[in-house]
Structure formats: structure tokens, C-alpha cells
Amino acid sequence: MRRALPVVCALLAGCATYHPQPIAPVQLAQQFEQRTLDSNNLHAYLVRELGHDVEPWPLPRWNRELLTLAAWYYSPALDVVRAQWGTAKAGIDVADAIPNPVLQLPFQWATPNPGPGEPFTTGPALDIPIETAGKRGYRVDQASHLSEAARLAIGNEAWKVRAQVRDALLTLYAARERSAFLSRKAEAGQQIVAMVTKRRAVGENAGRDVDAAVLAATQAQIDLTAARSIEQDARAQLAAAIGVPVSALEGVQLDMDAFDHAPLPPPAADAQRDAILHRADLLGSLAEYAAAESALQLEVAKQYPDIHLGPGYTYDTGTHKIAFGVAGISLPIFDQNQGGIAQAEAKRKEAAARTAALQDMILSDLERALARYRSSIDALQLSDAHRGAARRQLDSHAASFAAGSEDRLTFTQAKADYQASEVARLDAVVATQQAAGALEDAMQRPLTPDAANAASTQQEMAR
């Protein structure tokens, strides 16, 4: 007993202990409200990800890629997939575990005593399981592939977060630009109403002219109010994409220069190669297929029974017995694991079909996105030409007004009409940027790589 006590203590010392981690919703809400874009922890994260110092801090302007990094830092969706990867990695340790031996301590009392010794039978016996046919290795392979799929899911979610930031920022950009154009149009509309009203008072205009001017000015004001409402909603959408409260964006200067130009579309072959080689969801699907392969190998290996060794010692009423033999072998007579093998084969087939379907969808989306982006660039060029013609026409009105050959009402009406070409051109810019975003999503690659994009989803997956 004294010799066994240290062994028992050592075994107990190696056991894990439970540490409670309660969740307090109120505390979580407070932590969310305290998130800002000038956090020192966020600064350290940006320095680590970009590989260089970020000065000055707080940043005077935030561009799309810096906002994406901030979203990767705060995103709760990324926290979820990172935790899922941790669960999958722990599954490798579970799969790699060696079965523990079983200790048996039987005791029997003999009446009457048949032997020369004490009238009982006792002694320790072990049941030592030995897995055969490489089952443990197949389990580890399956868990490793599932862990890789979970790691790749981080990259896929990171790209989704990037796309959400990009789309929200584009919506905010469009709303701000539209508000600026419509504000000038509404101002011109009010001036026109004032002028035609004065002319009506002196009999130079009919009543219907005043009504038409008031109607146009009212519609311009309605459009301006709607654009400002969309701008506020876009700010909230951007804050949600980053993972911060709306108050965190107050006073933050946003750099939206990236929307002022449209990069050339890549060749179709290059885009297809990028989509097949770099899309994290497709790579994750391939990892899940590899896990299904390992699962099938495991089920095939289960046809072969495991071995249980049974060494032991017995004191039998004065007689000492030492046993060493096979404690048990399951005989595969009625069941050779046909059901498990058939199910694993079906799951492998399902995984293959899912991967093929995903790749087909990716290639279809890519082809459609390329065509959409090219046509949107053509439409943008036409819109630029139309705006140029409208600008020249407005300049002609301005020259005529300056020369005194055109009255203020006609010139003001020309300025109001010109804003329509600016809005039309803005719509073309937004459509082009939306098409560019769809093409990026199809490839899961940025069209304009830069320092931040170089880290992109690959670094996020590596964490």
C-alpha cells in the first residue's frame, strides 16, 4: 500500500482541473461600447500585421485596407471560426490518444478452504488494448484534415469580413457623393423657384412655370434627404462590418480614393487560376474530402479486430499464479463492418460531389463577374464622355452668362441640369466598383494588391 501511494499521487497530479469562465452579457456589452479605432492594442496589431510602424497614432485617415485590418481585429465572426479551429486542433490530440489499460482487482472467498493458504483468491490483472491495422494513424489523419479545413475557414471568413467593409465603405462613398451633388441641385432649385416667383409677380411667367419649379425643387430636396439617410445607414453598416459601435467612427476621416479608379480586369485564364488556387472555401472543401478519405480508411481498418493482452498475477488459496495471454479478440464472423465502410464511402462520394459543385459555382461566378466588370468599365467610359459633354455645355452657359447674353435663370437651370450628369456618372462609378468587388469575391484576390493586401487572408489563416 505504501508503495502504491506515490504512484496514485503522481497520477492524480497529472489530471487537469476545471476552471470556470462565466459569461456576463452586461460586461460583453460594455466591452463592445468601449471599442475604438485609437486603441493601443489595435495599434500593436496593425504594426504586427503590416510589418512596420504606424505613425502618427491615432491615424489621421483610415483607408479601406486599414479598416479591413481593424475589422479582422474586432470581428466576432472571426473569433468564432478561430475558436472552431482551436476545437479542431484539440481533436487531433483526441485522435492521437493511446487507449489506457484496464486494471482489474478480483477477490473471491473460498468456503471451505481448499488450499494450504488463506481461503481467498485475489490479484491484479491488466487488460492492455492494442489497436491494429493503423487505426490510430487514420484517426489522426482525419482529425488533421478537419483541422486544416477549419484553418482555411478562417481565411474564408476573413475575406467575407473584407468584402463587408469594402461594400459598406462603397455605400458610404456613394451616399456622400450623391448628397454633395443633390445638395447643389437642391440649392439651384431653390434659386430657380425664387426667380420664377419674382417673374410671375411681374407677369413674365405663367403659374405652371412656378408650379414646375416648385415641384422640381421639392423633388431635389426629397432626393437629398433620402441620400443623407442612406449615408447615416451606411455609417452604421460600416461600423458593424468593422465590429465597433457607430460612435467609434465619429471624427474619423475616411480615405475613399480607392474608388476613384477602376483597375484593368485580369485575363480570364489568370483569374481562373487565382480562383482555383487561392479560394479558401475550395481549399477547405478539398481538406474535408481528404478527411472523408481518411475516415474510409479507418472504417476499412476496423475490419481487423484489436488485440487485448491480459497479463496478471493471482493468489489462489496459497498458490501463486502468473498469467499472460490474450484477454479477448472480437471475431469478425457476423459483421465485417460492411455498414461502416458503406457509409464512409457514401460520405466520401458526397464530399467529392460537394467539392465539384463548389468549383463549378466558382467558375460560373467568375465568368459572370468578369463579363459584368468589363461591361461596367465600358459604361463608365460612356458616362465620362457624357459628363464631359455636359460640362462643356455648362461652361458655354457660364460664358454666355458672363457676357450678358444669357439671364441668371437660364444659367441656374443649366447648373441644376448638370448635376444630373454628375449623379449618372456616380451611378456608373458605383456599378463599376460593385462589379470589381464581385470579381474580387469570385477570385478571393484583390484586383489592386498593396502592402496590406499582401498580408491578406493568408496571414489571417496562418494565425
Foldseek 3Di string as FASTA:
>chain_A
DVVCVVVVVVVVVPDDDDDDDDDDVVVVVVVQQPDAQQDPVLQVQVCVQLVHHDPDGPDQADELLSLLSLLCVQPPVLVVLVVVLVVLVVQLVVLLDADDKDKDWDKAADVPQPADFHRMKTWIKIWHWDADDCLSVLSNLLSVLLSLLSLLVSLQVSLVLSLLLLVLVLLLVLLVLLLVLLVLLLVLLVVLLVVVVVCVVVPNDDPVSNVVSVVSNVVSVVSNVVSVVSNVVSLCSNCVSSSHGSVSCVSHHYDPCVLVDFDDDDPLVVLLVLLCPPNSNLVSLVSNLSSLVSQLSSLQSVLAWIWIWMWIWMDHRNDIDTDTDTPDTDDCDPHSSPVSNVVSVVVSVVSVVVSVVVSVVLSVLLVVLSVQLVVLVVVLVVLVVVLVVLVVVLVVLVVCVVVVNDDPSVSSVSSSVSSVSVSVSSVSSSSNSVSQSSNCSSSVAHPDDDSSSVSRSVVSSVD
